[in-house]
Amino acid sequence: MRLNDRFTRETMAPSPAAPPRAGRTRATGVRSNTIVASASSLVSGVLNAGILAYSARQGQTGEIAAYSVMTAALTWIAILIMGGSSLLYATGDEDERRSVRCQRLLIAAPAMAAATVLLAWLYGGRGYGTVALLSAGGVMILNSLAELRFSDLVRQMRFIAASAAMTATRLFALVLLIAGVPLTIALAAGAAAYLATTEALVCRSPSGGPPMWTGLSPSWARRAFRLNRQLFTHSFAESLTGRAGTIALSLVASPHVVGCFGALVSVYQALVAVVFSGLRVPMAMRTRHRHNLGPTGAVSREAEVISVTTGAVIAAGVVAWAPWMATSLLGLPIPESAIWLQLLALALPFATVNRAFMLNRIGDGNYRAATRVAVSIAMVVTGGLLVQALTLGPTGVAAATCIAEAAVAGVLVALAALRWYGRTRANGSHTAAAGQDRDRPRSSTAVGR
C-alpha cells in the first residue's frame, strides 16, 4: 500500500451484489457501534473524573501535577520516537503493522523508560515527587503498548470487547485509589491491567492473533521510521495542540496551579475521548474498505452526526455546571478554575468537527489532508501562547485552545459549504442543459424523413 494515496472519494458506489437491506444493516451497525464506543468512553471519562475528584479532595494536587507534567513531557518524547505509528498501526497493512509493533517494543519502550528516569531527575528538583513522576512514566509506557492491542480490537470492529477492557481497568484504578493507593501508582496498576486484558482479548479471539512480543526484528523496527514519516507531522501537531499549554504553564506557574489546571485539562481530554471513540467507527470502516477486509458500500455519516451532537450537548452541560464541577466536585481551591473549564468546554464541539475530518481522511489513506488540519490547529495554539508569553496563565492557555479549534473548524465548515454549493450549481446547470436539449425543436430535415 502506498502512503501517499490520492484523495479517496467521500461517497463510494454501493456494491451491485449487496442485498436490498445491506445499507440499512450497515447504518444500524454504525449507529450501535458509535453508541457503544462513545458510551464506554463516557463511562471511562466519568471514572477518570472520579479519580481526579477523589485525588483532588484528598489533597493529592502534587500527584496530579506530577502526572500532568510527566505525561505532557513524555508525550513529546514519544512523538519524536514513534511519530504517527499508532495511526499507521490502526490503518496500515500487515507489514506496516508488524513494523510498528517491533518499533514500539524494541525502540520506543526502552527510550521512554530512559526518558522517564531523566525527567524524574529534572522535575524532582523543582518540588515534584520522584516516585509519582516515575509511576506516571510507567503509565505512559504501559498505555502505549496497550494502545496497539486496543487498535487491533477496533480494526476487528470488536467495540464491545474494547470498551469493556477500557472501562474495567479504569474502575480497577479507582478502587485502588479509594483503598489508599497514591494516584500515580493506582493509574500504573490500572495501565498494567489494561495491557494484560487487551492482550488476552486479541490472542484468544476467533482469528487467533499472535502475542505482541513474537516476530520481533530490529530491521522491521527501523523500517517503521520510513513508513511513518507522513503521519509523523500529524501526530506531532496533535501533541503540540494538547500538551504545549501544560508545558508552557509549568515553566511560569507553581506546581499547585499546574496541578489544578492539569485536573481540568484531564477532564477536557476525557470529553474529547468520548467523541473521538465514536469517530473511530467510520475510520475503521474506511480502513477495512480500503484493504478489502469487509463489504463495500457507502460509509454512513451517522457516526459524525452523533459525535458532533454529543460534543455540543456535553459542552453546554459543562459550561452550565462548571462552577459546581470545579469547586464542589473536583474541590479545586482556585475560583478562576471554573472559567478555565468553561473555555475548554467551548472548544469541544469544534474539536469534534476537526477530528471527524482528520480521522476520515486517515481512514481513506489521505494522510496529507489530515496533517494540514492538525498543523493549522497547532499553529494557532502556538501563536496564542506566544502572544501571552509575558502574562501567560491558565485562562490564556484555555482560551488559546478554544480559539484554535473554533477557527479551524469554521474554515472546514465554510469550505465544505462552498463545495456543496458548487456541486449543487453544477448539477443544476447540467439538468437545465439536458432539459433544453430535450425540448429543442427538431430540424426540418429530420421531420421530413
Protein backbone atom coordinates (compact mmCIF):
# COMPACT_ATOMS: atom_id res chain seq x y z
CA MET A 1 0.00 0.00 0.00
CA ARG A 2 1.29 3.46 -0.82
CA LEU A 3 1.07 6.01 1.94
CA ASN A 4 0.60 8.89 -0.48
CA ASP A 5 -2.68 7.69 -1.95
CA ARG A 6 -4.72 10.40 -3.60
CA PHE A 7 -7.90 11.72 -2.06
CA THR A 8 -10.48 8.98 -1.76
CA ARG A 9 -13.97 9.95 -2.80
CA GLU A 10 -16.29 10.73 0.06
CA THR A 11 -19.16 8.65 -1.29
CA MET A 12 -18.41 5.23 -2.68
CA ALA A 13 -20.72 3.40 -5.00
CA PRO A 14 -22.64 0.57 -3.35
CA SER A 15 -21.85 -2.93 -4.39
CA PRO A 16 -24.28 -4.24 -7.02
CA ALA A 17 -24.25 -7.62 -5.34
CA ALA A 18 -25.31 -6.24 -1.97
CA PRO A 19 -28.70 -7.39 -0.70
CA PRO A 20 -31.51 -4.81 -0.71
CA ARG A 21 -31.30 -4.19 3.06
CA ALA A 22 -27.50 -4.10 3.26
CA GLY A 23 -27.39 -0.31 3.52
CA ARG A 24 -29.91 -0.34 6.36
CA THR A 25 -27.93 -3.05 8.16
CA ARG A 26 -24.68 -1.13 7.79
CA ALA A 27 -26.34 2.05 9.06
CA THR A 28 -27.68 0.20 12.10
CA GLY A 29 -24.24 -1.27 12.75
CA VAL A 30 -22.62 2.16 12.51
CA ARG A 31 -25.17 3.59 14.94
CA SER A 32 -24.83 0.81 17.51
CA ASN A 33 -21.02 0.72 17.34
CA THR A 34 -20.84 4.51 17.64
CA ILE A 35 -23.13 4.49 20.67
CA VAL A 36 -21.20 1.64 22.32
CA ALA A 37 -17.82 3.29 21.70
CA SER A 38 -18.95 6.74 22.83
CA ALA A 39 -20.86 5.45 25.85
CA SER A 40 -17.93 3.35 27.06
CA SER A 41 -15.58 6.28 26.62
CA LEU A 42 -18.05 8.47 28.54
CA VAL A 43 -18.13 5.96 31.38
CA SER A 44 -14.34 5.82 31.30
CA GLY A 45 -14.25 9.61 31.36
CA VAL A 46 -16.59 9.69 34.34
CA LEU A 47 -14.32 7.22 36.12
CA ASN A 48 -11.30 9.38 35.28
CA ALA A 49 -13.15 12.41 36.61
CA GLY A 50 -13.97 10.44 39.74
CA ILE A 51 -10.32 9.51 40.13
CA LEU A 52 -9.24 13.14 39.74
CA ALA A 53 -12.01 14.43 42.00
CA TYR A 54 -11.16 11.97 44.76
CA SER A 55 -7.45 12.73 44.43
CA ALA A 56 -8.03 16.49 44.49
CA ARG A 57 -10.32 16.27 47.52
CA GLN A 58 -7.71 14.15 49.29
CA GLY A 59 -5.16 16.90 48.69
CA GLN A 60 -3.14 14.99 46.09
CA THR A 61 -2.58 18.01 43.86
CA GLY A 62 1.13 17.17 43.92
CA GLU A 63 0.34 13.76 42.42
CA ILE A 64 -1.86 15.38 39.77
CA ALA A 65 0.85 17.91 38.95
CA ALA A 66 3.49 15.18 38.61
CA TYR A 67 1.20 13.14 36.39
CA SER A 68 0.30 16.15 34.20
CA VAL A 69 3.90 17.29 33.76
CA MET A 70 5.31 13.81 33.11
CA THR A 71 2.64 12.81 30.60
CA ALA A 72 2.93 16.14 28.78
CA ALA A 73 6.73 15.94 28.53
CA LEU A 74 6.87 12.21 27.79
CA THR A 75 4.28 12.55 25.07
CA TRP A 76 6.63 14.86 23.21
CA ILE A 77 9.45 12.37 23.53
CA ALA A 78 7.20 9.53 22.40
CA ILE A 79 6.13 11.52 19.37
CA LEU A 80 9.74 12.16 18.38
CA ILE A 81 10.40 8.41 18.52
CA MET A 82 7.12 6.91 17.31
CA GLY A 83 5.59 9.76 15.31
CA GLY A 84 2.21 8.68 13.95
CA SER A 85 2.87 4.96 14.32
CA SER A 86 -0.35 4.47 16.29
CA LEU A 87 -2.44 5.69 13.36
CA LEU A 88 -0.31 3.70 10.92
CA TYR A 89 -0.90 0.57 13.02
CA ALA A 90 -4.66 1.17 13.04
CA THR A 91 -4.99 1.86 9.30
CA GLY A 92 -1.98 0.21 7.61
CA ASP A 93 -1.43 -3.19 6.01
CA GLU A 94 0.03 -6.19 7.84
CA ASP A 95 3.67 -5.40 7.03
CA GLU A 96 3.29 -1.85 8.29
CA ARG A 97 1.59 -3.09 11.43
CA ARG A 98 4.40 -5.55 12.15
CA SER A 99 6.97 -2.78 11.72
CA VAL A 100 5.11 -0.56 14.19
CA ARG A 101 4.87 -3.37 16.75
CA CYS A 102 8.61 -4.03 16.52
CA GLN A 103 9.39 -0.32 16.79
CA ARG A 104 7.15 0.09 19.84
CA LEU A 105 8.67 -2.83 21.77
CA LEU A 106 12.32 -2.69 20.72
CA ILE A 107 12.92 1.07 20.44
CA ALA A 108 10.11 3.19 21.87
CA ALA A 109 9.51 1.43 25.20
CA PRO A 110 13.21 1.38 26.26
CA ALA A 111 13.66 5.00 25.14
CA MET A 112 10.59 6.12 27.08
CA ALA A 113 11.87 4.30 30.18
CA ALA A 114 15.20 6.13 29.96
CA ALA A 115 13.42 9.45 29.39
CA THR A 116 11.22 8.80 32.43
CA VAL A 117 14.27 8.47 34.66
CA LEU A 118 15.81 11.66 33.24
CA LEU A 119 12.59 13.68 33.56
CA ALA A 120 12.08 12.43 37.13
CA TRP A 121 15.57 13.71 37.99
CA LEU A 122 14.95 17.10 36.31
CA TYR A 123 11.49 17.78 37.76
CA GLY A 124 12.30 16.19 41.11
CA GLY A 125 14.44 19.20 41.93
CA ARG A 126 11.52 21.58 41.30
CA GLY A 127 9.24 20.25 44.04
CA TYR A 128 7.61 17.32 42.20
CA GLY A 129 7.55 13.85 43.81
CA THR A 130 10.10 11.48 42.28
CA VAL A 131 8.04 8.33 42.89
CA ALA A 132 4.97 9.99 41.40
CA LEU A 133 6.95 11.06 38.32
CA LEU A 134 8.35 7.55 37.80
CA SER A 135 4.91 5.99 38.22
CA ALA A 136 3.41 8.45 35.73
CA GLY A 137 6.09 7.48 33.23
CA GLY A 138 5.18 3.83 33.74
CA VAL A 139 1.55 4.67 32.95
CA MET A 140 2.62 6.19 29.63
CA ILE A 141 4.77 3.19 28.66
CA LEU A 142 2.12 0.60 29.51
CA ASN A 143 -0.64 2.55 27.79
CA SER A 144 1.46 2.95 24.64
CA LEU A 145 1.71 -0.84 24.38
CA ALA A 146 -1.95 -1.42 25.23
CA GLU A 147 -2.90 1.11 22.56
CA LEU A 148 -1.76 -1.31 19.85
CA ARG A 149 -3.97 -4.09 21.16
CA PHE A 150 -6.90 -1.71 21.50
CA SER A 151 -6.39 -0.76 17.84
CA ASP A 152 -6.49 -4.47 16.95
CA LEU A 153 -9.92 -4.77 18.58
CA VAL A 154 -11.20 -1.63 16.84
CA ARG A 155 -9.89 -2.81 13.47
CA GLN A 156 -11.80 -6.07 14.00
CA MET A 157 -14.93 -3.98 14.82
CA ARG A 158 -14.99 -5.55 18.32
CA PHE A 159 -16.07 -2.38 20.05
CA ILE A 160 -17.83 -4.12 22.94
CA ALA A 161 -14.70 -6.04 23.92
CA ALA A 162 -12.52 -2.94 23.58
CA SER A 163 -14.97 -0.89 25.62
CA ALA A 164 -15.19 -3.48 28.37
CA ALA A 165 -11.41 -3.63 28.71
CA MET A 166 -11.12 0.15 28.92
CA THR A 167 -13.91 0.60 31.46
CA ALA A 168 -13.00 -2.32 33.73
CA THR A 169 -9.38 -1.25 34.13
CA ARG A 170 -10.37 2.36 34.93
CA LEU A 171 -12.69 1.01 37.61
CA PHE A 172 -9.85 -1.10 38.98
CA ALA A 173 -7.65 2.00 39.30
CA LEU A 174 -10.44 3.88 41.12
CA VAL A 175 -10.88 1.02 43.60
CA LEU A 176 -7.14 1.06 44.33
CA LEU A 177 -7.25 4.82 44.85
CA ILE A 178 -10.13 4.55 47.32
CA ALA A 179 -8.21 1.81 49.12
CA GLY A 180 -5.45 4.32 49.84
CA VAL A 181 -3.02 3.80 46.95
CA PRO A 182 -1.49 7.08 45.65
CA LEU A 183 -2.89 8.38 42.37
CA THR A 184 0.03 7.67 40.06
CA ILE A 185 0.62 4.18 41.44
CA ALA A 186 -3.08 3.34 41.09
CA LEU A 187 -3.03 4.55 37.49
CA ALA A 188 0.10 2.50 36.77
CA ALA A 189 -1.60 -0.64 38.13
CA GLY A 190 -4.67 0.11 36.00
CA ALA A 191 -2.50 0.55 32.91
CA ALA A 192 -0.83 -2.81 33.54
CA ALA A 193 -4.25 -4.46 33.85
CA TYR A 194 -5.35 -2.71 30.65
CA LEU A 195 -2.39 -4.13 28.72
CA ALA A 196 -2.93 -7.64 30.07
CA THR A 197 -6.66 -7.56 29.28
CA THR A 198 -6.35 -6.30 25.71
CA GLU A 199 -3.52 -8.77 25.03
CA ALA A 200 -5.68 -11.66 26.21
CA LEU A 201 -8.69 -10.50 24.16
CA VAL A 202 -6.68 -10.27 20.95
CA CYS A 203 -4.76 -13.54 21.42
CA ARG A 204 -7.87 -15.52 22.33
CA SER A 205 -10.07 -14.11 19.59
CA PRO A 206 -11.50 -16.35 16.84
CA SER A 207 -8.86 -15.01 14.45
CA GLY A 208 -6.16 -16.03 16.95
CA GLY A 209 -3.75 -13.11 16.84
CA PRO A 210 -0.16 -13.92 17.94
CA PRO A 211 1.27 -12.48 21.18
CA MET A 212 2.66 -8.97 20.88
CA TRP A 213 6.25 -9.98 21.61
CA THR A 214 6.52 -12.62 18.84
CA GLY A 215 8.14 -11.97 15.46
CA LEU A 216 10.22 -9.04 16.67
CA SER A 217 13.03 -7.84 14.43
CA PRO A 218 15.33 -4.77 14.67
CA SER A 219 15.27 -4.34 10.89
CA TRP A 220 11.46 -4.22 10.88
CA ALA A 221 11.59 -1.73 13.77
CA ARG A 222 13.89 0.59 11.80
CA ARG A 223 11.65 0.25 8.76
CA ALA A 224 8.79 1.82 10.72
CA PHE A 225 10.55 5.19 10.74
CA ARG A 226 10.43 5.32 6.94
CA LEU A 227 6.84 4.11 6.68
CA ASN A 228 5.68 6.52 9.34
CA ARG A 229 7.10 9.80 8.11
CA GLN A 230 3.86 11.10 6.55
CA LEU A 231 1.95 10.69 9.80
CA PHE A 232 4.80 11.99 11.95
CA THR A 233 3.92 15.64 11.34
CA HIS A 234 0.24 14.99 12.03
CA SER A 235 0.92 13.35 15.39
CA PHE A 236 3.48 15.97 16.35
CA ALA A 237 0.98 18.75 15.65
CA GLU A 238 -1.74 16.95 17.62
CA SER A 239 0.64 16.57 20.54
CA LEU A 240 1.55 20.24 20.34
CA THR A 241 -2.12 21.19 20.47
CA GLY A 242 -2.84 19.09 23.55
CA ARG A 243 0.38 19.45 25.55
CA ALA A 244 2.04 22.74 24.70
CA GLY A 245 -0.14 24.73 27.08
CA THR A 246 0.63 22.50 30.06
CA ILE A 247 4.35 22.54 29.33
CA ALA A 248 4.39 26.33 28.92
CA LEU A 249 2.38 26.81 32.11
CA SER A 250 4.71 24.55 34.09
CA LEU A 251 7.58 26.95 33.29
CA VAL A 252 5.88 30.01 34.77
CA ALA A 253 3.40 28.72 37.38
CA SER A 254 3.72 26.82 40.66
CA PRO A 255 3.06 23.06 40.91
CA HIS A 256 -0.17 23.86 42.77
CA VAL A 257 -1.57 25.92 39.86
CA VAL A 258 -0.32 23.39 37.30
CA GLY A 259 -1.98 20.61 39.29
CA CYS A 260 -5.34 22.41 39.35
CA PHE A 261 -5.18 23.24 35.64
CA GLY A 262 -3.97 19.71 34.88
CA ALA A 263 -7.07 18.28 36.54
CA LEU A 264 -9.30 20.35 34.25
CA VAL A 265 -7.25 19.51 31.15
CA SER A 266 -7.65 15.84 32.04
CA VAL A 267 -11.42 16.34 32.22
CA TYR A 268 -11.39 18.05 28.82
CA GLN A 269 -9.27 15.31 27.26
CA ALA A 270 -11.64 12.71 28.67
CA LEU A 271 -14.55 14.52 27.00
CA VAL A 272 -12.62 14.67 23.71
CA ALA A 273 -12.02 10.92 24.06
CA VAL A 274 -15.79 10.37 24.20
CA VAL A 275 -16.39 11.86 20.76
CA PHE A 276 -13.07 10.53 19.44
CA SER A 277 -14.15 6.97 20.28
CA GLY A 278 -17.33 7.38 18.28
CA LEU A 279 -15.34 8.70 15.32
CA ARG A 280 -13.20 5.56 15.34
CA VAL A 281 -16.15 3.66 13.84
CA PRO A 282 -16.19 5.34 10.40
CA MET A 283 -12.38 5.38 10.39
CA ALA A 284 -12.31 1.61 10.95
CA MET A 285 -14.93 1.08 8.24
CA ARG A 286 -12.96 3.17 5.74
CA THR A 287 -9.78 1.31 6.64
CA ARG A 288 -11.43 -2.09 6.16
CA HIS A 289 -12.92 -0.95 2.87
CA ARG A 290 -9.52 0.29 1.66
CA HIS A 291 -7.86 -3.04 2.48
CA ASN A 292 -10.79 -5.16 1.20
CA LEU A 293 -11.47 -6.52 4.69
CA GLY A 294 -15.22 -6.02 4.66
CA PRO A 295 -18.26 -5.31 2.48
CA THR A 296 -18.08 -2.40 0.07
CA GLY A 297 -20.58 0.43 0.08
CA ALA A 298 -21.16 3.99 1.17
CA VAL A 299 -19.79 4.96 4.59
CA SER A 300 -22.61 6.41 6.66
CA ARG A 301 -22.37 9.94 8.05
CA GLU A 302 -24.36 8.86 11.11
CA ALA A 303 -21.31 8.47 13.35
CA GLU A 304 -20.19 12.04 12.67
CA VAL A 305 -23.67 13.42 13.34
CA ILE A 306 -23.93 11.51 16.62
CA SER A 307 -20.45 12.58 17.74
CA VAL A 308 -20.87 16.27 16.90
CA THR A 309 -24.29 16.37 18.58
CA THR A 310 -22.90 14.61 21.63
CA GLY A 311 -20.00 17.04 21.80
CA ALA A 312 -22.33 20.05 21.66
CA VAL A 313 -24.63 18.68 24.36
CA ILE A 314 -21.74 17.80 26.66
CA ALA A 315 -20.15 21.21 26.13
CA ALA A 316 -23.40 23.01 27.01
CA GLY A 317 -23.75 20.95 30.17
CA VAL A 318 -20.16 21.56 31.26
CA VAL A 319 -20.41 25.32 30.65
CA ALA A 320 -23.57 25.49 32.77
CA TRP A 321 -22.21 23.32 35.60
CA ALA A 322 -18.55 24.41 35.50
CA PRO A 323 -18.60 26.31 38.85
CA TRP A 324 -20.00 23.29 40.66
CA MET A 325 -17.69 20.84 38.86
CA ALA A 326 -14.53 22.86 39.53
CA THR A 327 -15.12 23.85 43.15
CA SER A 328 -17.53 21.27 44.60
CA LEU A 329 -16.89 18.14 42.54
CA LEU A 330 -13.15 18.48 41.96
CA GLY A 331 -12.59 20.56 45.08
CA LEU A 332 -10.16 22.94 43.38
CA PRO A 333 -9.29 25.89 45.67
CA ILE A 334 -8.83 28.45 42.86
CA PRO A 335 -12.11 30.28 41.98
CA GLU A 336 -10.94 31.06 38.42
CA SER A 337 -10.80 27.34 37.65
CA ALA A 338 -14.47 27.43 36.60
CA ILE A 339 -13.60 29.88 33.80
CA TRP A 340 -10.75 27.64 32.66
CA LEU A 341 -13.13 24.68 32.41
CA GLN A 342 -15.77 26.71 30.54
CA LEU A 343 -13.24 27.83 27.92
CA LEU A 344 -12.06 24.27 27.41
CA ALA A 345 -15.65 23.02 27.15
CA LEU A 346 -16.45 25.59 24.46
CA ALA A 347 -13.69 24.05 22.33
CA LEU A 348 -15.26 20.57 22.41
CA PRO A 349 -17.82 20.80 19.53
CA PHE A 350 -15.23 22.42 17.26
CA ALA A 351 -12.62 19.81 18.22
CA THR A 352 -15.15 17.13 17.27
CA VAL A 353 -15.60 18.59 13.78
CA ASN A 354 -11.85 18.78 13.27
CA ARG A 355 -11.23 15.20 14.47
CA ALA A 356 -14.06 13.88 12.30
CA PHE A 357 -12.41 15.35 9.22
CA MET A 358 -8.92 14.13 10.16
CA LEU A 359 -9.92 10.57 11.07
CA ASN A 360 -11.98 10.16 7.90
CA ARG A 361 -9.06 11.30 5.78
CA ILE A 362 -6.71 8.94 7.63
CA GLY A 363 -9.11 6.06 7.11
CA ASP A 364 -9.15 6.87 3.40
CA GLY A 365 -5.34 6.92 3.30
CA ASN A 366 -5.18 10.66 2.59
CA TYR A 367 -2.76 11.48 5.40
CA ARG A 368 -1.70 14.78 3.87
CA ALA A 369 -5.14 16.39 4.26
CA ALA A 370 -5.36 15.28 7.90
CA THR A 371 -1.89 16.66 8.56
CA ARG A 372 -2.80 20.08 7.16
CA VAL A 373 -5.68 20.40 9.62
CA ALA A 374 -3.60 19.25 12.60
CA VAL A 375 -0.79 21.68 11.74
CA SER A 376 -3.26 24.55 11.37
CA ILE A 377 -4.67 23.98 14.87
CA ALA A 378 -1.19 23.67 16.37
CA MET A 379 -0.03 26.90 14.71
CA VAL A 380 -2.96 28.89 16.12
CA VAL A 381 -2.42 27.44 19.61
CA THR A 382 1.29 28.24 19.49
CA GLY A 383 0.59 31.76 18.27
CA GLY A 384 -1.86 32.30 21.10
CA LEU A 385 0.67 31.15 23.68
CA LEU A 386 3.43 33.34 22.24
CA VAL A 387 1.21 36.42 22.28
CA GLN A 388 0.68 35.88 26.01
CA ALA A 389 4.29 34.95 26.76
CA LEU A 390 4.82 37.65 29.40
CA THR A 391 1.46 37.22 31.13
CA LEU A 392 0.73 33.55 30.44
CA GLY A 393 -1.75 31.94 32.80
CA PRO A 394 -4.30 29.11 32.80
CA THR A 395 -7.03 31.36 31.39
CA GLY A 396 -4.86 32.28 28.42
CA VAL A 397 -3.90 28.66 27.77
CA ALA A 398 -7.55 27.56 27.77
CA ALA A 399 -8.56 30.49 25.53
CA ALA A 400 -5.83 29.65 23.01
CA THR A 401 -7.14 26.10 22.74
CA CYS A 402 -10.74 27.24 22.25
CA ILE A 403 -9.88 29.86 19.62
CA ALA A 404 -7.68 27.45 17.65
CA GLU A 405 -10.27 24.68 17.46
CA ALA A 406 -13.09 27.11 16.58
CA ALA A 407 -11.10 28.91 13.88
CA VAL A 408 -10.05 25.75 12.04
CA ALA A 409 -13.49 24.14 12.35
CA GLY A 410 -15.05 27.30 10.91
CA VAL A 411 -12.75 27.14 7.89
CA LEU A 412 -13.53 23.44 7.32
CA VAL A 413 -17.28 24.03 7.50
CA ALA A 414 -17.02 27.03 5.15
CA LEU A 415 -15.02 25.04 2.60
CA ALA A 416 -17.48 22.14 2.81
CA ALA A 417 -20.38 24.56 2.23
CA LEU A 418 -18.64 26.05 -0.80
CA ARG A 419 -18.01 22.59 -2.26
CA TRP A 420 -21.64 21.64 -1.69
CA TYR A 421 -22.84 24.87 -3.30
CA GLY A 422 -20.54 24.32 -6.27
CA ARG A 423 -21.80 20.77 -6.79
CA THR A 424 -25.40 21.94 -6.50
CA ARG A 425 -24.91 24.63 -9.13
CA ALA A 426 -23.09 22.22 -11.42
CA ASN A 427 -25.85 19.64 -11.12
CA GLY A 428 -28.50 22.31 -11.71
CA SER A 429 -26.72 23.58 -14.83
CA HIS A 430 -26.38 20.03 -16.13
CA THR A 431 -30.07 19.32 -15.55
CA ALA A 432 -31.10 22.57 -17.26
CA ALA A 433 -28.86 21.85 -20.25
CA ALA A 434 -30.30 18.36 -20.56
CA GLY A 435 -33.84 19.79 -20.49
CA GLN A 436 -33.01 22.33 -23.19
CA ASP A 437 -31.60 19.62 -25.44
CA ARG A 438 -34.73 17.57 -24.93
CA ASP A 439 -37.10 20.46 -25.71
CA ARG A 440 -35.15 21.90 -28.70
CA PRO A 441 -37.24 21.69 -31.96
CA ARG A 442 -36.10 19.12 -34.48
CA SER A 443 -34.65 20.27 -37.77
CA SER A 444 -36.79 20.26 -40.92
CA THR A 445 -34.71 17.55 -42.48
CA ALA A 446 -35.39 15.32 -39.53
CA VAL A 447 -39.13 15.97 -39.81
CA GLY A 448 -39.27 15.16 -43.48
CA ARG A 449 -37.60 11.82 -43.15
